[in-house]
Each structure stands twice: as C-alpha cells, then as structure tokens.
C-alpha cells in the first residue's frame, strides 16, 4: 500500500468517525428534546390536576359554609 493509499484510507476513516459522532450527537439531542417535551406535558397534567383539586376543595368549602348558614 502506497503512502497516498494509506493517507486516503485514514481520511476516509476520519470522515466516517466524524459522521458517526455527528449522528450520535443528533440522536442524543432528539432524545433530550423528546424527554423535555414529555416533562412539560407531565407538568401541564399535574397543574391541571392540582387546579381541579383546588376547585373541588373550594366548592366543598362553599357548600359547607352555605349549609352552616342555612
């Protein structure tokens, strides 16, 4: 194998390695983005549940107060 062939082979290997690194980084970024989206969705759901619970407590307190007044 000539020096030029060896140099070409090393360049191809380096390019393949860089492409692999970039693909891995893209995959990790996509996974992280999905995880962030899931976390936001869970947070929204928890806020809705908390709001519904607070509304229920408020209604229960109003109902009890109304019963005590009557």
PDB file of N, CA and C in Angstrom:
ATOM      1  N   UNK A   1       0.858  -1.182   0.000  1.00  0.00           N
ATOM      2  CA  UNK A   1       0.000   0.000   0.000  1.00  0.00           C
ATOM      3  C   UNK A   1       0.901   1.240   0.000  1.00  0.00           C
ATOM      4  N   UNK A   2       0.583   2.135  -0.900  1.00  0.00           N
ATOM      5  CA  UNK A   2       1.405   3.332  -1.011  1.00  0.00           C
ATOM      6  C   UNK A   2       1.033   4.322   0.093  1.00  0.00           C
ATOM      7  N   UNK A   3       1.863   5.277   0.230  1.00  0.00           N
ATOM      8  CA  UNK A   3       1.625   6.325   1.235  1.00  0.00           C
ATOM      9  C   UNK A   3       0.329   7.067   0.936  1.00  0.00           C
ATOM     10  N   UNK A   4       0.069   7.327  -0.347  1.00  0.00           N
ATOM     11  CA  UNK A   4      -1.160   8.023  -0.728  1.00  0.00           C
ATOM     12  C   UNK A   4      -2.391   7.168  -0.399  1.00  0.00           C
ATOM     13  N   UNK A   5      -2.302   5.880  -0.663  1.00  0.00           N
ATOM     14  CA  UNK A   5      -3.420   4.986  -0.343  1.00  0.00           C
ATOM     15  C   UNK A   5      -3.682   4.981   1.162  1.00  0.00           C
ATOM     16  N   UNK A   6      -2.616   4.907   1.911  1.00  0.00           N
ATOM     17  CA  UNK A   6      -2.748   4.906   3.375  1.00  0.00           C
ATOM     18  C   UNK A   6      -3.363   6.227   3.845  1.00  0.00           C
ATOM     19  N   UNK A   7      -2.939   7.345   3.274  1.00  0.00           N
ATOM     20  CA  UNK A   7      -3.472   8.658   3.643  1.00  0.00           C
ATOM     21  C   UNK A   7      -4.954   8.736   3.295  1.00  0.00           C
ATOM     22  N   UNK A   8      -5.323   8.244   2.114  1.00  0.00           N
ATOM     23  CA  UNK A   8      -6.735   8.234   1.716  1.00  0.00           C
ATOM     24  C   UNK A   8      -7.559   7.388   2.693  1.00  0.00           C
ATOM     25  N   UNK A   9      -7.037   6.226   3.027  1.00  0.00           N
ATOM     26  CA  UNK A   9      -7.739   5.335   3.956  1.00  0.00           C
ATOM     27  C   UNK A   9      -7.941   6.004   5.312  1.00  0.00           C
ATOM     28  N   UNK A  10      -6.916   6.685   5.800  1.00  0.00           N
ATOM     29  CA  UNK A  10      -7.029   7.395   7.075  1.00  0.00           C
ATOM     30  C   UNK A  10      -8.044   8.532   6.998  1.00  0.00           C
ATOM     31  N   UNK A  11      -8.075   9.241   5.866  1.00  0.00           N
ATOM     32  CA  UNK A  11      -9.052  10.316   5.687  1.00  0.00           C
ATOM     33  C   UNK A  11     -10.478   9.764   5.671  1.00  0.00           C
ATOM     34  N   UNK A  12     -10.669   8.636   4.984  1.00  0.00           N
ATOM     35  CA  UNK A  12     -11.990   8.011   4.941  1.00  0.00           C
ATOM     36  C   UNK A  12     -12.406   7.579   6.347  1.00  0.00           C
ATOM     37  N   UNK A  13     -11.493   6.973   7.077  1.00  0.00           N
ATOM     38  CA  UNK A  13     -11.796   6.544   8.446  1.00  0.00           C
ATOM     39  C   UNK A  13     -12.144   7.733   9.333  1.00  0.00           C
ATOM     40  N   UNK A  14     -11.401   8.807   9.188  1.00  0.00           N
ATOM     41  CA  UNK A  14     -11.664  10.007   9.985  1.00  0.00           C
ATOM     42  C   UNK A  14     -13.023  10.604   9.633  1.00  0.00           C
ATOM     43  N   UNK A  15     -13.347  10.663   8.336  1.00  0.00           N
ATOM     44  CA  UNK A  15     -14.648  11.185   7.908  1.00  0.00           C
ATOM     45  C   UNK A  15     -15.778  10.310   8.458  1.00  0.00           C
ATOM     46  N   UNK A  16     -15.608   8.994   8.387  1.00  0.00           N
ATOM     47  CA  UNK A  16     -16.627   8.088   8.911  1.00  0.00           C
ATOM     48  C   UNK A  16     -16.800   8.273  10.427  1.00  0.00           C
ATOM     49  N   UNK A  17     -15.688   8.457  11.094  1.00  0.00           N
ATOM     50  CA  UNK A  17     -15.744   8.668  12.542  1.00  0.00           C
ATOM     51  C   UNK A  17     -16.485   9.969  12.865  1.00  0.00           C
ATOM     52  N   UNK A  18     -16.174  11.028  12.131  1.00  0.00           N
ATOM     53  CA  UNK A  18     -16.833  12.315  12.359  1.00  0.00           C
ATOM     54  C   UNK A  18     -18.330  12.222  12.061  1.00  0.00           C
ATOM     55  N   UNK A  19     -18.693  11.508  11.011  1.00  0.00           N
ATOM     56  CA  UNK A  19     -20.110  11.322  10.690  1.00  0.00           C
ATOM     57  C   UNK A  19     -20.818  10.548  11.803  1.00  0.00           C
ATOM     58  N   UNK A  20     -20.142   9.545  12.334  1.00  0.00           N
ATOM     59  CA  UNK A  20     -20.708   8.762  13.441  1.00  0.00           C
ATOM     60  C   UNK A  20     -20.909   9.645  14.680  1.00  0.00           C
ATOM     61  N   UNK A  21     -19.920  10.459  14.972  1.00  0.00           N
ATOM     62  CA  UNK A  21     -20.020  11.359  16.126  1.00  0.00           C
ATOM     63  C   UNK A  21     -21.181  12.332  15.936  1.00  0.00           C
ATOM     64  N   UNK A  22     -21.312  12.900  14.760  1.00  0.00           N
ATOM     65  CA  UNK A  22     -22.401  13.842  14.484  1.00  0.00           C
ATOM     66  C   UNK A  22     -23.758  13.164  14.585  1.00  0.00           C
ATOM     67  N   UNK A  23     -23.866  11.951  14.045  1.00  0.00           N
ATOM     68  CA  UNK A  23     -25.131  11.210  14.120  1.00  0.00           C
ATOM     69  C   UNK A  23     -25.489  10.894  15.575  1.00  0.00           C
ATOM     70  N   UNK A  24     -24.506  10.515  16.351  1.00  0.00           N
ATOM     71  CA  UNK A  24     -24.733  10.243  17.768  1.00  0.00           C
ATOM     72  C   UNK A  24     -25.201  11.489  18.491  1.00  0.00           C
ATOM     73  N   UNK A  25     -24.592  12.629  18.186  1.00  0.00           N
ATOM     74  CA  UNK A  25     -24.997  13.886  18.816  1.00  0.00           C
ATOM     75  C   UNK A  25     -26.418  14.263  18.417  1.00  0.00           C
ATOM     76  N   UNK A  26     -26.774  14.076  17.147  1.00  0.00           N
ATOM     77  CA  UNK A  26     -28.138  14.365  16.694  1.00  0.00           C
ATOM     78  C   UNK A  26     -29.146  13.467  17.406  1.00  0.00           C
ATOM     79  N   UNK A  27     -28.815  12.195  17.525  1.00  0.00           N
ATOM     80  CA  UNK A  27     -29.718  11.263  18.212  1.00  0.00           C
ATOM     81  C   UNK A  27     -29.907  11.654  19.673  1.00  0.00           C
ATOM     82  N   UNK A  28     -28.825  12.004  20.333  1.00  0.00           N
ATOM     83  CA  UNK A  28     -28.927  12.410  21.741  1.00  0.00           C
ATOM     84  C   UNK A  28     -29.744  13.685  21.890  1.00  0.00           C
ATOM     85  N   UNK A  29     -29.547  14.620  20.978  1.00  0.00           N
ATOM     86  CA  UNK A  29     -30.320  15.866  21.040  1.00  0.00           C
ATOM     87  C   UNK A  29     -31.800  15.587  20.832  1.00  0.00           C
ATOM     88  N   UNK A  30     -32.127  14.691  19.904  1.00  0.00           N
ATOM     89  CA  UNK A  30     -33.529  14.346  19.664  1.00  0.00           C
ATOM     90  C   UNK A  30     -34.129  13.657  20.885  1.00  0.00           C
ATOM     91  N   UNK A  31     -33.382  12.757  21.510  1.00  0.00           N
ATOM     92  CA  UNK A  31     -33.862  12.079  22.715  1.00  0.00           C
ATOM     93  C   UNK A  31     -34.091  13.080  23.839  1.00  0.00           C
ATOM     94  N   UNK A  32     -33.167  14.013  23.979  1.00  0.00           N
ATOM     95  CA  UNK A  32     -33.305  15.028  25.025  1.00  0.00           C
ATOM     96  C   UNK A  32     -34.523  15.915  24.761  1.00  0.00           C
ATOM     97  N   UNK A  33     -34.736  16.257  23.506  1.00  0.00           N
ATOM     98  CA  UNK A  33     -35.890  17.082  23.150  1.00  0.00           C
ATOM     99  C   UNK A  33     -37.188  16.345  23.476  1.00  0.00           C
ATOM    100  N   UNK A  34     -37.232  15.057  23.171  1.00  0.00           N
ATOM    101  CA  UNK A  34     -38.412  14.258  23.498  1.00  0.00           C
ATOM    102  C   UNK A  34     -38.632  14.185  25.005  1.00  0.00           C
ATOM    103  N   UNK A  35     -37.556  14.023  25.747  1.00  0.00           N
ATOM    104  CA  UNK A  35     -37.658  13.957  27.204  1.00  0.00           C
ATOM    105  C   UNK A  35     -38.171  15.274  27.774  1.00  0.00           C
ATOM    106  N   UNK A  36     -37.683  16.375  27.243  1.00  0.00           N
ATOM    107  CA  UNK A  36     -38.138  17.696  27.701  1.00  0.00           C
ATOM    108  C   UNK A  36     -39.623  17.872  27.394  1.00  0.00           C
ATOM    109  N   UNK A  37     -40.030  17.448  26.190  1.00  0.00           N
ATOM    110  CA  UNK A  37     -41.450  17.554  25.815  1.00  0.00           C
ATOM    111  C   UNK A  37     -42.323  16.715  26.752  1.00  0.00           C
ATOM    112  N   UNK A  38     -41.865  15.500  27.064  1.00  0.00           N
ATOM    113  CA  UNK A  38     -42.620  14.634  27.983  1.00  0.00           C
ATOM    114  C   UNK A  38     -42.709  15.269  29.371  1.00  0.00           C
ATOM    115  N   UNK A  39     -41.619  15.858  29.818  1.00  0.00           N
ATOM    116  CA  UNK A  39     -41.596  16.502  31.135  1.00  0.00           C
ATOM    117  C   UNK A  39     -42.569  17.673  31.165  1.00  0.00           C
ATOM    118  N   UNK A  40     -42.586  18.466  30.105  1.00  0.00           N
ATOM    119  CA  UNK A  40     -43.519  19.598  30.038  1.00  0.00           C
ATOM    120  C   UNK A  40     -44.962  19.111  30.043  1.00  0.00           C
ATOM    121  N   UNK A  41     -45.226  18.047  29.307  1.00  0.00           N
ATOM    122  CA  UNK A  41     -46.584  17.504  29.257  1.00  0.00           C
ATOM    123  C   UNK A  41     -47.006  17.001  30.641  1.00  0.00           C
ATOM    124  N   UNK A  42     -46.098  16.309  31.329  1.00  0.00           N
ATOM    125  CA  UNK A  42     -46.403  15.830  32.678  1.00  0.00           C
ATOM    126  C   UNK A  42     -46.652  16.998  33.626  1.00  0.00           C
ATOM    127  N   UNK A  43     -45.872  18.051  33.484  1.00  0.00           N
ATOM    128  CA  UNK A  43     -46.047  19.229  34.337  1.00  0.00           C
ATOM    129  C   UNK A  43     -47.408  19.874  34.072  1.00  0.00           C
ATOM    130  N   UNK A  44     -47.800  19.973  32.799  1.00  0.00           N
ATOM    131  CA  UNK A  44     -49.121  20.527  32.464  1.00  0.00           C
ATOM    132  C   UNK A  44     -50.235  19.682  33.080  1.00  0.00           C
ATOM    133  N   UNK A  45     -50.104  18.355  32.971  1.00  0.00           N
ATOM    134  CA  UNK A  45     -51.120  17.464  33.529  1.00  0.00           C
ATOM    135  C   UNK A  45     -51.214  17.614  35.046  1.00  0.00           C
ATOM    136  N   UNK A  46     -50.061  17.718  35.703  1.00  0.00           N
ATOM    137  CA  UNK A  46     -50.069  17.898  37.159  1.00  0.00           C
ATOM    138  C   UNK A  46     -50.705  19.226  37.559  1.00  0.00           C
ATOM    139  N   UNK A  47     -50.440  20.275  36.790  1.00  0.00           N
ATOM    140  CA  UNK A  47     -51.052  21.571  37.079  1.00  0.00           C
ATOM    141  C   UNK A  47     -52.568  21.513  36.910  1.00  0.00           C
ATOM    142  N   UNK A  48     -53.020  20.820  35.886  1.00  0.00           N
ATOM    143  CA  UNK A  48     -54.463  20.670  35.681  1.00  0.00           C
ATOM    144  C   UNK A  48     -55.080  19.909  36.838  1.00  0.00           C
ATOM    145  N   UNK A  49     -54.435  18.814  37.250  1.00  0.00           N
ATOM    146  CA  UNK A  49     -54.948  18.033  38.380  1.00  0.00           C
ATOM    147  C   UNK A  49     -54.995  18.876  39.647  1.00  0.00           C
ATOM    148  N   UNK A  50     -53.944  19.637  39.868  1.00  0.00           N
ATOM    149  CA  UNK A  50     -53.899  20.482  41.064  1.00  0.00           C
ATOM    150  C   UNK A  50     -55.000  21.536  41.017  1.00  0.00           C
ATOM    151  N   UNK A  51     -55.219  22.140  39.847  1.00  0.00           N
ATOM    152  CA  UNK A  51     -56.270  23.146  39.709  1.00  0.00           C
ATOM    153  C   UNK A  51     -57.648  22.523  39.956  1.00  0.00           C
ATOM    154  N   UNK A  52     -57.886  21.338  39.403  1.00  0.00           N
ATOM    155  CA  UNK A  52     -59.162  20.654  39.619  1.00  0.00           C
ATOM    156  C   UNK A  52     -59.370  20.316  41.090  1.00  0.00           C
ATOM    157  N   UNK A  53     -58.302  19.879  41.739  1.00  0.00           N
ATOM    158  CA  UNK A  53     -58.380  19.566  43.172  1.00  0.00           C
ATOM    159  C   UNK A  53     -58.693  20.821  43.985  1.00  0.00           C
ATOM    160  N   UNK A  54     -58.018  21.920  43.660  1.00  0.00           N
ATOM    161  CA  UNK A  54     -58.268  23.186  44.356  1.00  0.00           C
ATOM    162  C   UNK A  54     -59.706  23.655  44.141  1.00  0.00           C
ATOM    163  N   UNK A  55     -60.195  23.515  42.901  1.00  0.00           N
ATOM    164  CA  UNK A  55     -61.578  23.891  42.612  1.00  0.00           C
ATOM    165  C   UNK A  55     -62.551  23.039  43.423  1.00  0.00           C
ATOM    166  N   UNK A  56     -62.254  21.748  43.505  1.00  0.00           N
ATOM    167  CA  UNK A  56     -63.108  20.840  44.280  1.00  0.00           C
ATOM    168  C   UNK A  56     -63.120  21.249  45.764  1.00  0.00           C
ATOM    169  N   UNK A  57     -61.951  21.548  46.306  1.00  0.00           N
ATOM    170  CA  UNK A  57     -61.877  21.974  47.709  1.00  0.00           C
ATOM    171  C   UNK A  57     -62.648  23.271  47.924  1.00  0.00           C
ATOM    172  N   UNK A  58     -62.505  24.193  47.000  1.00  0.00           N
ATOM    173  CA  UNK A  58     -63.199  25.476  47.094  1.00  0.00           C
ATOM    174  C   UNK A  58     -64.718  25.259  47.085  1.00  0.00           C
ATOM    175  N   UNK A  59     -65.188  24.426  46.159  1.00  0.00           N
ATOM    176  CA  UNK A  59     -66.614  24.130  46.087  1.00  0.00           C
ATOM    177  C   UNK A  59     -67.105  23.454  47.368  1.00  0.00           C
ATOM    178  N   UNK A  60     -66.310  22.544  47.912  1.00  0.00           N
ATOM    179  CA  UNK A  60     -66.693  21.855  49.147  1.00  0.00           C
ATOM    180  C   UNK A  60     -66.786  22.848  50.305  1.00  0.00           C
ATOM    181  N   UNK A  61     -65.840  23.773  50.376  1.00  0.00           N
ATOM    182  CA  UNK A  61     -65.866  24.764  51.446  1.00  0.00           C
ATOM    183  C   UNK A  61     -67.082  25.680  51.297  1.00  0.00           C
ATOM    184  N   UNK A  62     -67.409  26.100  50.076  1.00  0.00           N
ATOM    185  CA  UNK A  62     -68.583  26.932  49.847  1.00  0.00           C
ATOM    186  C   UNK A  62     -69.855  26.188  50.217  1.00  0.00           C
ATOM    187  N   UNK A  63     -69.922  24.931  49.885  1.00  0.00           N
ATOM    188  CA  UNK A  63     -71.103  24.121  50.183  1.00  0.00           C
ATOM    189  C   UNK A  63     -71.267  23.991  51.701  1.00  0.00           C
ATOM    190  N   UNK A  64     -70.193  23.718  52.404  1.00  0.00           N
ATOM    191  CA  UNK A  64     -70.266  23.597  53.876  1.00  0.00           C
ATOM    192  C   UNK A  64     -70.651  24.922  54.509  1.00  0.00           C
ATOM    193  N   UNK A  65     -70.085  25.998  54.002  1.00  0.00           N
ATOM    194  CA  UNK A  65     -70.413  27.314  54.561  1.00  0.00           C
ATOM    195  C   UNK A  65     -71.891  27.616  54.318  1.00  0.00           C
ATOM    196  N   UNK A  66     -72.373  27.276  53.132  1.00  0.00           N
ATOM    197  CA  UNK A  66     -73.771  27.512  52.819  1.00  0.00           C
ATOM    198  C   UNK A  66     -74.683  26.678  53.718  1.00  0.00           C
ATOM    199  N   UNK A  67     -74.299  25.434  53.983  1.00  0.00           N
ATOM    200  CA  UNK A  67     -75.076  24.563  54.875  1.00  0.00           C
ATOM    201  C   UNK A  67     -75.094  25.094  56.302  1.00  0.00           C
ATOM    202  N   UNK A  68     -73.962  25.617  56.752  1.00  0.00           N
ATOM    203  CA  UNK A  68     -73.888  26.135  58.120  1.00  0.00           C
ATOM    204  C   UNK A  68     -74.717  27.407  58.292  1.00  0.00           C
ATOM    205  N   UNK A  69     -74.781  28.200  57.237  1.00  0.00           N
ATOM    206  CA  UNK A  69     -75.554  29.432  57.284  1.00  0.00           C
ATOM    207  C   UNK A  69     -77.061  29.118  57.299  1.00  0.00           C
ATOM    208  N   UNK A  70     -77.462  28.098  56.565  1.00  0.00           N
ATOM    209  CA  UNK A  70     -78.878  27.764  56.438  1.00  0.00           C
ATOM    210  C   UNK A  70     -79.445  27.142  57.654  1.00  0.00           C
TER     211      UNK A  70
END
